[in-house]
Amino acid sequence: LVVNVVGLALSTVAGDPRLMMAKDSGVSSVVGIVILLSVRTGRPL
């Protein structure tokens, strides 16, 4: 939910199409990072 909300907030970013694709991947990467951090804390998401 949080990642989707952030993605909605950043969806207004316009300009270079390469930046748009990189932005989408960057937002999605938060999911992978947080999941890995949850493993370190002993509460795997």
All heavy atoms as atom14 arrays in JSON, in Angstrom:
{
  "sequence": "LVVNVVGLALSTVAGDPRLMMAKDSGVSSVVGIVILLSVRTGRPL",
  "atom14_mask": [
    [1, 1, 1, 1, 1, 1, 1, 1, 0, 0, 0, 0, 0, 0],
    [1, 1, 1, 1, 1, 1, 1, 0, 0, 0, 0, 0, 0, 0],
    [1, 1, 1, 1, 1, 1, 1, 0, 0, 0, 0, 0, 0, 0],
    [1, 1, 1, 1, 1, 1, 1, 1, 0, 0, 0, 0, 0, 0],
    [1, 1, 1, 1, 1, 1, 1, 0, 0, 0, 0, 0, 0, 0],
    [1, 1, 1, 1, 1, 1, 1, 0, 0, 0, 0, 0, 0, 0],
    [1, 1, 1, 1, 0, 0, 0, 0, 0, 0, 0, 0, 0, 0],
    [1, 1, 1, 1, 1, 1, 1, 1, 0, 0, 0, 0, 0, 0],
    [1, 1, 1, 1, 1, 0, 0, 0, 0, 0, 0, 0, 0, 0],
    [1, 1, 1, 1, 1, 1, 1, 1, 0, 0, 0, 0, 0, 0],
    [1, 1, 1, 1, 1, 1, 0, 0, 0, 0, 0, 0, 0, 0],
    [1, 1, 1, 1, 1, 1, 1, 0, 0, 0, 0, 0, 0, 0],
    [1, 1, 1, 1, 1, 1, 1, 0, 0, 0, 0, 0, 0, 0],
    [1, 1, 1, 1, 1, 0, 0, 0, 0, 0, 0, 0, 0, 0],
    [1, 1, 1, 1, 0, 0, 0, 0, 0, 0, 0, 0, 0, 0],
    [1, 1, 1, 1, 1, 1, 1, 1, 0, 0, 0, 0, 0, 0],
    [1, 1, 1, 1, 1, 1, 1, 0, 0, 0, 0, 0, 0, 0],
    [1, 1, 1, 1, 1, 1, 1, 1, 1, 1, 1, 0, 0, 0],
    [1, 1, 1, 1, 1, 1, 1, 1, 0, 0, 0, 0, 0, 0],
    [1, 1, 1, 1, 1, 1, 1, 1, 0, 0, 0, 0, 0, 0],
    [1, 1, 1, 1, 1, 1, 1, 1, 0, 0, 0, 0, 0, 0],
    [1, 1, 1, 1, 1, 0, 0, 0, 0, 0, 0, 0, 0, 0],
    [1, 1, 1, 1, 1, 1, 1, 1, 1, 0, 0, 0, 0, 0],
    [1, 1, 1, 1, 1, 1, 1, 1, 0, 0, 0, 0, 0, 0],
    [1, 1, 1, 1, 1, 1, 0, 0, 0, 0, 0, 0, 0, 0],
    [1, 1, 1, 1, 0, 0, 0, 0, 0, 0, 0, 0, 0, 0],
    [1, 1, 1, 1, 1, 1, 1, 0, 0, 0, 0, 0, 0, 0],
    [1, 1, 1, 1, 1, 1, 0, 0, 0, 0, 0, 0, 0, 0],
    [1, 1, 1, 1, 1, 1, 0, 0, 0, 0, 0, 0, 0, 0],
    [1, 1, 1, 1, 1, 1, 1, 0, 0, 0, 0, 0, 0, 0],
    [1, 1, 1, 1, 1, 1, 1, 0, 0, 0, 0, 0, 0, 0],
    [1, 1, 1, 1, 0, 0, 0, 0, 0, 0, 0, 0, 0, 0],
    [1, 1, 1, 1, 1, 1, 1, 1, 0, 0, 0, 0, 0, 0],
    [1, 1, 1, 1, 1, 1, 1, 0, 0, 0, 0, 0, 0, 0],
    [1, 1, 1, 1, 1, 1, 1, 1, 0, 0, 0, 0, 0, 0],
    [1, 1, 1, 1, 1, 1, 1, 1, 0, 0, 0, 0, 0, 0],
    [1, 1, 1, 1, 1, 1, 1, 1, 0, 0, 0, 0, 0, 0],
    [1, 1, 1, 1, 1, 1, 0, 0, 0, 0, 0, 0, 0, 0],
    [1, 1, 1, 1, 1, 1, 1, 0, 0, 0, 0, 0, 0, 0],
    [1, 1, 1, 1, 1, 1, 1, 1, 1, 1, 1, 0, 0, 0],
    [1, 1, 1, 1, 1, 1, 1, 0, 0, 0, 0, 0, 0, 0],
    [1, 1, 1, 1, 0, 0, 0, 0, 0, 0, 0, 0, 0, 0],
    [1, 1, 1, 1, 1, 1, 1, 1, 1, 1, 1, 0, 0, 0],
    [1, 1, 1, 1, 1, 1, 1, 0, 0, 0, 0, 0, 0, 0],
    [1, 1, 1, 1, 1, 1, 1, 1, 0, 0, 0, 0, 0, 0]
  ],
  "atom14_positions": [
    [[0.83, -1.2, 0.0], [0.0, 0.0, 0.0], [0.87, 1.26, 0.0], [0.62, 2.2, -0.77], [-0.93, 0.0, 1.21], [-1.84, 1.21, 1.38], [-2.77, 1.37, 0.19], [-2.65, 1.1, 2.67], [0.0, 0.0, 0.0], [0.0, 0.0, 0.0], [0.0, 0.0, 0.0], [0.0, 0.0, 0.0], [0.0, 0.0, 0.0], [0.0, 0.0, 0.0]],
    [[1.89, 1.29, 0.85], [2.76, 2.46, 0.93], [3.5, 2.68, -0.39], [3.6, 3.8, -0.89], [3.77, 2.3, 2.09], [4.83, 3.4, 2.03], [3.03, 2.36, 3.42], [0.0, 0.0, 0.0], [0.0, 0.0, 0.0], [0.0, 0.0, 0.0], [0.0, 0.0, 0.0], [0.0, 0.0, 0.0], [0.0, 0.0, 0.0], [0.0, 0.0, 0.0]],
    [[4.01, 1.59, -0.97], [4.73, 1.69, -2.24], [3.8, 2.23, -3.33], [4.19, 3.06, -4.16], [5.32, 0.33, -2.63], [5.83, 0.35, -4.07], [6.46, -0.04, -1.69], [0.0, 0.0, 0.0], [0.0, 0.0, 0.0], [0.0, 0.0, 0.0], [0.0, 0.0, 0.0], [0.0, 0.0, 0.0], [0.0, 0.0, 0.0], [0.0, 0.0, 0.0]],
    [[2.56, 1.75, -3.36], [1.61, 2.23, -4.36], [1.31, 3.71, -4.17], [1.18, 4.46, -5.14], [0.32, 1.42, -4.3], [0.46, 0.06, -4.96], [1.51, -0.27, -5.48], [-0.6, -0.73, -4.93], [0.0, 0.0, 0.0], [0.0, 0.0, 0.0], [0.0, 0.0, 0.0], [0.0, 0.0, 0.0], [0.0, 0.0, 0.0], [0.0, 0.0, 0.0]],
    [[1.16, 4.13, -2.93], [0.88, 5.54, -2.66], [2.05, 6.41, -3.11], [1.86, 7.47, -3.73], [0.58, 5.77, -1.17], [0.53, 7.25, -0.84], [-0.75, 5.11, -0.8], [0.0, 0.0, 0.0], [0.0, 0.0, 0.0], [0.0, 0.0, 0.0], [0.0, 0.0, 0.0], [0.0, 0.0, 0.0], [0.0, 0.0, 0.0], [0.0, 0.0, 0.0]],
    [[3.28, 5.96, -2.82], [4.46, 6.7, -3.27], [4.52, 6.74, -4.79], [4.84, 7.76, -5.4], [5.75, 6.06, -2.7], [6.99, 6.72, -3.3], [5.77, 6.19, -1.18], [0.0, 0.0, 0.0], [0.0, 0.0, 0.0], [0.0, 0.0, 0.0], [0.0, 0.0, 0.0], [0.0, 0.0, 0.0], [0.0, 0.0, 0.0], [0.0, 0.0, 0.0]],
    [[4.18, 5.6, -5.41], [4.15, 5.56, -6.86], [3.15, 6.52, -7.45], [3.41, 7.18, -8.46], [0.0, 0.0, 0.0], [0.0, 0.0, 0.0], [0.0, 0.0, 0.0], [0.0, 0.0, 0.0], [0.0, 0.0, 0.0], [0.0, 0.0, 0.0], [0.0, 0.0, 0.0], [0.0, 0.0, 0.0], [0.0, 0.0, 0.0], [0.0, 0.0, 0.0]],
    [[1.99, 6.64, -6.81], [0.98, 7.6, -7.26], [1.5, 9.03, -7.13], [1.29, 9.87, -8.01], [-0.3, 7.44, -6.44], [-1.2, 6.25, -6.81], [-2.28, 6.06, -5.74], [-1.83, 6.47, -8.17], [0.0, 0.0, 0.0], [0.0, 0.0, 0.0], [0.0, 0.0, 0.0], [0.0, 0.0, 0.0], [0.0, 0.0, 0.0], [0.0, 0.0, 0.0]],
    [[2.2, 9.29, -6.02], [2.73, 10.64, -5.82], [3.78, 10.99, -6.86], [3.87, 12.14, -7.31], [3.32, 10.76, -4.42], [0.0, 0.0, 0.0], [0.0, 0.0, 0.0], [0.0, 0.0, 0.0], [0.0, 0.0, 0.0], [0.0, 0.0, 0.0], [0.0, 0.0, 0.0], [0.0, 0.0, 0.0], [0.0, 0.0, 0.0], [0.0, 0.0, 0.0]],
    [[4.57, 10.0, -7.27], [5.63, 10.25, -8.24], [5.15, 10.14, -9.68], [5.91, 10.4, -10.61], [6.78, 9.26, -8.02], [7.56, 9.41, -6.71], [8.63, 8.34, -6.6], [8.18, 10.8, -6.62], [0.0, 0.0, 0.0], [0.0, 0.0, 0.0], [0.0, 0.0, 0.0], [0.0, 0.0, 0.0], [0.0, 0.0, 0.0], [0.0, 0.0, 0.0]],
    [[3.89, 9.72, -9.87], [3.39, 9.53, -11.23], [3.26, 10.85, -11.98], [3.1, 10.87, -13.2], [2.03, 8.82, -11.19], [1.07, 9.63, -10.54], [0.0, 0.0, 0.0], [0.0, 0.0, 0.0], [0.0, 0.0, 0.0], [0.0, 0.0, 0.0], [0.0, 0.0, 0.0], [0.0, 0.0, 0.0], [0.0, 0.0, 0.0], [0.0, 0.0, 0.0]],
    [[3.32, 11.95, -11.26], [3.23, 13.26, -11.91], [4.56, 13.69, -12.53], [4.62, 14.68, -13.25], [2.79, 14.33, -10.9], [3.72, 14.36, -9.81], [1.4, 14.02, -10.37], [0.0, 0.0, 0.0], [0.0, 0.0, 0.0], [0.0, 0.0, 0.0], [0.0, 0.0, 0.0], [0.0, 0.0, 0.0], [0.0, 0.0, 0.0], [0.0, 0.0, 0.0]],
    [[5.63, 12.93, -12.21], [6.93, 13.26, -12.78], [6.89, 13.03, -14.29], [6.53, 11.96, -14.75], [8.05, 12.39, -12.16], [9.38, 12.69, -12.84], [8.13, 12.66, -10.67], [0.0, 0.0, 0.0], [0.0, 0.0, 0.0], [0.0, 0.0, 0.0], [0.0, 0.0, 0.0], [0.0, 0.0, 0.0], [0.0, 0.0, 0.0], [0.0, 0.0, 0.0]],
    [[7.21, 14.03, -15.06], [7.15, 13.92, -16.51], [8.53, 14.21, -17.09], [9.45, 14.63, -16.4], [6.13, 14.9, -17.07], [0.0, 0.0, 0.0], [0.0, 0.0, 0.0], [0.0, 0.0, 0.0], [0.0, 0.0, 0.0], [0.0, 0.0, 0.0], [0.0, 0.0, 0.0], [0.0, 0.0, 0.0], [0.0, 0.0, 0.0], [0.0, 0.0, 0.0]],
    [[8.65, 13.98, -18.38], [9.89, 14.3, -19.06], [10.47, 13.1, -19.76], [9.78, 12.4, -20.49], [0.0, 0.0, 0.0], [0.0, 0.0, 0.0], [0.0, 0.0, 0.0], [0.0, 0.0, 0.0], [0.0, 0.0, 0.0], [0.0, 0.0, 0.0], [0.0, 0.0, 0.0], [0.0, 0.0, 0.0], [0.0, 0.0, 0.0], [0.0, 0.0, 0.0]],
    [[11.73, 12.84, -19.5], [12.46, 11.78, -20.18], [11.8, 10.42, -19.94], [11.62, 10.01, -18.78], [13.89, 11.75, -19.64], [14.77, 10.76, -20.4], [14.26, 10.06, -21.28], [15.97, 10.72, -20.1], [0.0, 0.0, 0.0], [0.0, 0.0, 0.0], [0.0, 0.0, 0.0], [0.0, 0.0, 0.0], [0.0, 0.0, 0.0], [0.0, 0.0, 0.0]],
    [[11.42, 9.67, -21.0], [10.81, 8.35, -20.81], [11.73, 7.38, -20.09], [11.27, 6.48, -19.38], [10.5, 7.9, -22.24], [11.4, 8.71, -23.12], [11.52, 10.02, -22.43], [0.0, 0.0, 0.0], [0.0, 0.0, 0.0], [0.0, 0.0, 0.0], [0.0, 0.0, 0.0], [0.0, 0.0, 0.0], [0.0, 0.0, 0.0], [0.0, 0.0, 0.0]],
    [[13.05, 7.54, -20.26], [13.99, 6.68, -19.54], [13.9, 6.93, -18.03], [13.98, 6.0, -17.23], [15.42, 6.9, -20.05], [15.62, 6.45, -21.5], [17.08, 6.61, -21.91], [17.3, 6.23, -23.31], [17.48, 4.98, -23.72], [17.48, 3.99, -22.84], [17.68, 4.72, -25.0], [0.0, 0.0, 0.0], [0.0, 0.0, 0.0], [0.0, 0.0, 0.0]],
    [[13.74, 8.19, -17.67], [13.59, 8.53, -16.25], [12.3, 7.93, -15.71], [12.27, 7.45, -14.57], [13.58, 10.05, -16.08], [13.31, 10.56, -14.65], [14.39, 10.07, -13.7], [13.23, 12.08, -14.64], [0.0, 0.0, 0.0], [0.0, 0.0, 0.0], [0.0, 0.0, 0.0], [0.0, 0.0, 0.0], [0.0, 0.0, 0.0], [0.0, 0.0, 0.0]],
    [[11.24, 7.93, -16.5], [9.96, 7.36, -16.05], [10.12, 5.86, -15.77], [9.65, 5.34, -14.75], [8.89, 7.58, -17.12], [8.47, 9.03, -17.27], [7.63, 9.65, -15.79], [6.16, 8.63, -15.8], [0.0, 0.0, 0.0], [0.0, 0.0, 0.0], [0.0, 0.0, 0.0], [0.0, 0.0, 0.0], [0.0, 0.0, 0.0], [0.0, 0.0, 0.0]],
    [[10.8, 5.13, -16.67], [10.99, 3.7, -16.47], [11.89, 3.43, -15.27], [11.63, 2.51, -14.48], [11.58, 3.07, -17.73], [10.6, 2.98, -18.89], [11.22, 2.03, -20.3], [12.51, 3.12, -20.89], [0.0, 0.0, 0.0], [0.0, 0.0, 0.0], [0.0, 0.0, 0.0], [0.0, 0.0, 0.0], [0.0, 0.0, 0.0], [0.0, 0.0, 0.0]],
    [[12.93, 4.23, -15.12], [13.83, 4.06, -13.98], [13.11, 4.36, -12.67], [13.32, 3.69, -11.65], [15.05, 4.96, -14.14], [0.0, 0.0, 0.0], [0.0, 0.0, 0.0], [0.0, 0.0, 0.0], [0.0, 0.0, 0.0], [0.0, 0.0, 0.0], [0.0, 0.0, 0.0], [0.0, 0.0, 0.0], [0.0, 0.0, 0.0], [0.0, 0.0, 0.0]],
    [[12.24, 5.39, -12.7], [11.48, 5.75, -11.5], [10.57, 4.62, -11.05], [10.52, 4.29, -9.86], [10.67, 7.02, -11.8], [9.82, 7.52, -10.64], [8.38, 7.02, -10.71], [7.67, 7.5, -11.97], [6.28, 7.01, -12.04], [0.0, 0.0, 0.0], [0.0, 0.0, 0.0], [0.0, 0.0, 0.0], [0.0, 0.0, 0.0], [0.0, 0.0, 0.0]],
    [[9.88, 3.99, -12.0], [8.99, 2.89, -11.65], [9.78, 1.74, -11.02], [9.34, 1.13, -10.04], [8.25, 2.39, -12.9], [7.23, 3.4, -13.39], [6.82, 4.27, -12.6], [6.84, 3.32, -14.58], [0.0, 0.0, 0.0], [0.0, 0.0, 0.0], [0.0, 0.0, 0.0], [0.0, 0.0, 0.0], [0.0, 0.0, 0.0], [0.0, 0.0, 0.0]],
    [[10.93, 1.44, -11.58], [11.76, 0.37, -11.03], [12.29, 0.73, -9.65], [12.36, -0.11, -8.76], [12.93, 0.07, -11.98], [12.45, -0.36, -13.23], [0.0, 0.0, 0.0], [0.0, 0.0, 0.0], [0.0, 0.0, 0.0], [0.0, 0.0, 0.0], [0.0, 0.0, 0.0], [0.0, 0.0, 0.0], [0.0, 0.0, 0.0], [0.0, 0.0, 0.0]],
    [[12.67, 2.01, -9.5], [13.18, 2.45, -8.21], [12.16, 2.34, -7.11], [12.47, 1.9, -5.98], [0.0, 0.0, 0.0], [0.0, 0.0, 0.0], [0.0, 0.0, 0.0], [0.0, 0.0, 0.0], [0.0, 0.0, 0.0], [0.0, 0.0, 0.0], [0.0, 0.0, 0.0], [0.0, 0.0, 0.0], [0.0, 0.0, 0.0], [0.0, 0.0, 0.0]],
    [[10.91, 2.71, -7.39], [9.85, 2.59, -6.4], [9.6, 1.14, -6.06], [9.46, 0.75, -4.89], [8.56, 3.27, -6.92], [7.39, 2.97, -5.98], [8.76, 4.76, -7.05], [0.0, 0.0, 0.0], [0.0, 0.0, 0.0], [0.0, 0.0, 0.0], [0.0, 0.0, 0.0], [0.0, 0.0, 0.0], [0.0, 0.0, 0.0], [0.0, 0.0, 0.0]],
    [[9.57, 0.27, -7.09], [9.33, -1.15, -6.84], [10.46, -1.79, -6.05], [10.23, -2.75, -5.3], [9.17, -1.88, -8.18], [8.07, -1.37, -8.91], [0.0, 0.0, 0.0], [0.0, 0.0, 0.0], [0.0, 0.0, 0.0], [0.0, 0.0, 0.0], [0.0, 0.0, 0.0], [0.0, 0.0, 0.0], [0.0, 0.0, 0.0], [0.0, 0.0, 0.0]],
    [[11.68, -1.27, -6.2], [12.81, -1.85, -5.48], [12.66, -1.72, -3.98], [13.26, -2.49, -3.22], [14.12, -1.2, -5.93], [14.19, 0.15, -5.48], [0.0, 0.0, 0.0], [0.0, 0.0, 0.0], [0.0, 0.0, 0.0], [0.0, 0.0, 0.0], [0.0, 0.0, 0.0], [0.0, 0.0, 0.0], [0.0, 0.0, 0.0], [0.0, 0.0, 0.0]],
    [[11.87, -0.76, -3.54], [11.64, -0.58, -2.1], [11.05, -1.86, -1.51], [11.38, -2.25, -0.38], [10.7, 0.62, -1.86], [10.33, 0.72, -0.38], [11.35, 1.91, -2.32], [0.0, 0.0, 0.0], [0.0, 0.0, 0.0], [0.0, 0.0, 0.0], [0.0, 0.0, 0.0], [0.0, 0.0, 0.0], [0.0, 0.0, 0.0], [0.0, 0.0, 0.0]],
    [[10.19, -2.53, -2.28], [9.57, -3.77, -1.8], [10.65, -4.81, -1.5], [10.69, -5.42, -0.42], [8.57, -4.32, -2.83], [7.99, -5.65, -2.35], [7.46, -3.32, -3.08], [0.0, 0.0, 0.0], [0.0, 0.0, 0.0], [0.0, 0.0, 0.0], [0.0, 0.0, 0.0], [0.0, 0.0, 0.0], [0.0, 0.0, 0.0], [0.0, 0.0, 0.0]],
    [[11.57, -5.02, -2.46], [12.64, -5.99, -2.26], [13.53, -5.63, -1.09], [13.91, -6.49, -0.3], [0.0, 0.0, 0.0], [0.0, 0.0, 0.0], [0.0, 0.0, 0.0], [0.0, 0.0, 0.0], [0.0, 0.0, 0.0], [0.0, 0.0, 0.0], [0.0, 0.0, 0.0], [0.0, 0.0, 0.0], [0.0, 0.0, 0.0], [0.0, 0.0, 0.0]],
    [[13.87, -4.35, -0.96], [14.76, -3.91, 0.12], [14.11, -4.13, 1.48], [14.74, -4.65, 2.42], [15.14, -2.43, -0.07], [16.01, -2.25, -1.3], [15.86, -1.89, 1.17], [16.27, -0.82, -1.68], [0.0, 0.0, 0.0], [0.0, 0.0, 0.0], [0.0, 0.0, 0.0], [0.0, 0.0, 0.0], [0.0, 0.0, 0.0], [0.0, 0.0, 0.0]],
    [[12.84, -3.74, 1.6], [12.16, -3.89, 2.9], [12.0, -5.36, 3.26], [12.13, -5.75, 4.43], [10.8, -3.17, 2.86], [10.01, -3.45, 4.14], [10.99, -1.68, 2.69], [0.0, 0.0, 0.0], [0.0, 0.0, 0.0], [0.0, 0.0, 0.0], [0.0, 0.0, 0.0], [0.0, 0.0, 0.0], [0.0, 0.0, 0.0], [0.0, 0.0, 0.0]],
    [[11.71, -6.22, 2.27], [11.6, -7.65, 2.54], [12.93, -8.2, 3.06], [12.96, -8.97, 4.03], [11.16, -8.41, 1.28], [9.7, -8.09, 0.95], [11.33, -9.92, 1.47], [9.21, -8.7, -0.35], [0.0, 0.0, 0.0], [0.0, 0.0, 0.0], [0.0, 0.0, 0.0], [0.0, 0.0, 0.0], [0.0, 0.0, 0.0], [0.0, 0.0, 0.0]],
    [[14.04, -7.79, 2.45], [15.35, -8.24, 2.92], [15.65, -7.73, 4.32], [16.21, -8.45, 5.16], [16.43, -7.78, 1.94], [16.42, -8.47, 0.57], [17.45, -7.84, -0.36], [16.7, -9.96, 0.72], [0.0, 0.0, 0.0], [0.0, 0.0, 0.0], [0.0, 0.0, 0.0], [0.0, 0.0, 0.0], [0.0, 0.0, 0.0], [0.0, 0.0, 0.0]],
    [[15.28, -6.49, 4.6], [15.49, -5.95, 5.94], [14.65, -6.69, 6.97], [15.08, -6.89, 8.12], [15.14, -4.45, 5.96], [16.11, -3.52, 5.21], [15.59, -2.09, 5.23], [17.51, -3.59, 5.84], [0.0, 0.0, 0.0], [0.0, 0.0, 0.0], [0.0, 0.0, 0.0], [0.0, 0.0, 0.0], [0.0, 0.0, 0.0], [0.0, 0.0, 0.0]],
    [[13.45, -7.1, 6.57], [12.58, -7.84, 7.51], [13.2, -9.18, 7.88], [12.99, -9.68, 8.99], [11.2, -8.04, 6.9], [11.21, -9.03, 5.87], [0.0, 0.0, 0.0], [0.0, 0.0, 0.0], [0.0, 0.0, 0.0], [0.0, 0.0, 0.0], [0.0, 0.0, 0.0], [0.0, 0.0, 0.0], [0.0, 0.0, 0.0], [0.0, 0.0, 0.0]],
    [[13.95, -9.78, 6.96], [14.64, -11.03, 7.27], [15.71, -10.79, 8.32], [15.88, -11.59, 9.26], [15.27, -11.62, 5.99], [16.09, -12.87, 6.31], [14.18, -11.97, 4.97], [0.0, 0.0, 0.0], [0.0, 0.0, 0.0], [0.0, 0.0, 0.0], [0.0, 0.0, 0.0], [0.0, 0.0, 0.0], [0.0, 0.0, 0.0], [0.0, 0.0, 0.0]],
    [[16.41, -9.68, 8.2], [17.46, -9.34, 9.16], [16.89, -9.12, 10.56], [17.55, -9.42, 11.56], [18.2, -8.08, 8.69], [18.97, -8.23, 7.4], [20.27, -8.94, 7.59], [21.18, -8.21, 8.45], [22.38, -8.64, 8.8], [22.81, -9.81, 8.37], [23.16, -7.92, 9.59], [0.0, 0.0, 0.0], [0.0, 0.0, 0.0], [0.0, 0.0, 0.0]],
    [[15.69, -8.59, 10.64], [15.08, -8.32, 11.94], [14.36, -9.53, 12.53], [13.86, -9.46, 13.65], [14.07, -7.15, 11.83], [13.02, -7.51, 10.92], [14.76, -5.89, 11.32], [0.0, 0.0, 0.0], [0.0, 0.0, 0.0], [0.0, 0.0, 0.0], [0.0, 0.0, 0.0], [0.0, 0.0, 0.0], [0.0, 0.0, 0.0], [0.0, 0.0, 0.0]],
    [[14.31, -10.63, 11.76], [13.67, -11.84, 12.27], [12.16, -11.86, 12.11], [11.51, -12.73, 12.68], [0.0, 0.0, 0.0], [0.0, 0.0, 0.0], [0.0, 0.0, 0.0], [0.0, 0.0, 0.0], [0.0, 0.0, 0.0], [0.0, 0.0, 0.0], [0.0, 0.0, 0.0], [0.0, 0.0, 0.0], [0.0, 0.0, 0.0], [0.0, 0.0, 0.0]],
    [[11.61, -10.94, 11.35], [10.17, -10.92, 11.11], [9.92, -10.85, 9.6], [9.47, -9.84, 9.07], [9.52, -9.72, 11.79], [9.66, -9.72, 13.3], [9.13, -8.44, 13.89], [7.7, -8.31, 13.67], [6.78, -8.63, 14.56], [7.15, -9.09, 15.74], [5.5, -8.48, 14.3], [0.0, 0.0, 0.0], [0.0, 0.0, 0.0], [0.0, 0.0, 0.0]],
    [[10.23, -11.96, 8.87], [10.13, -11.96, 7.41], [8.73, -11.63, 6.9], [7.76, -12.27, 7.29], [10.55, -13.39, 7.03], [10.4, -14.19, 8.27], [10.64, -13.27, 9.4], [0.0, 0.0, 0.0], [0.0, 0.0, 0.0], [0.0, 0.0, 0.0], [0.0, 0.0, 0.0], [0.0, 0.0, 0.0], [0.0, 0.0, 0.0], [0.0, 0.0, 0.0]],
    [[8.65, -10.63, 6.04], [7.35, -10.14, 5.58], [6.6, -11.14, 4.72], [5.36, -11.17, 4.74], [7.54, -8.84, 4.79], [7.71, -7.55, 5.61], [7.99, -6.38, 4.69], [6.46, -7.29, 6.44], [0.0, 0.0, 0.0], [0.0, 0.0, 0.0], [0.0, 0.0, 0.0], [0.0, 0.0, 0.0], [0.0, 0.0, 0.0], [0.0, 0.0, 0.0]]
  ]
}
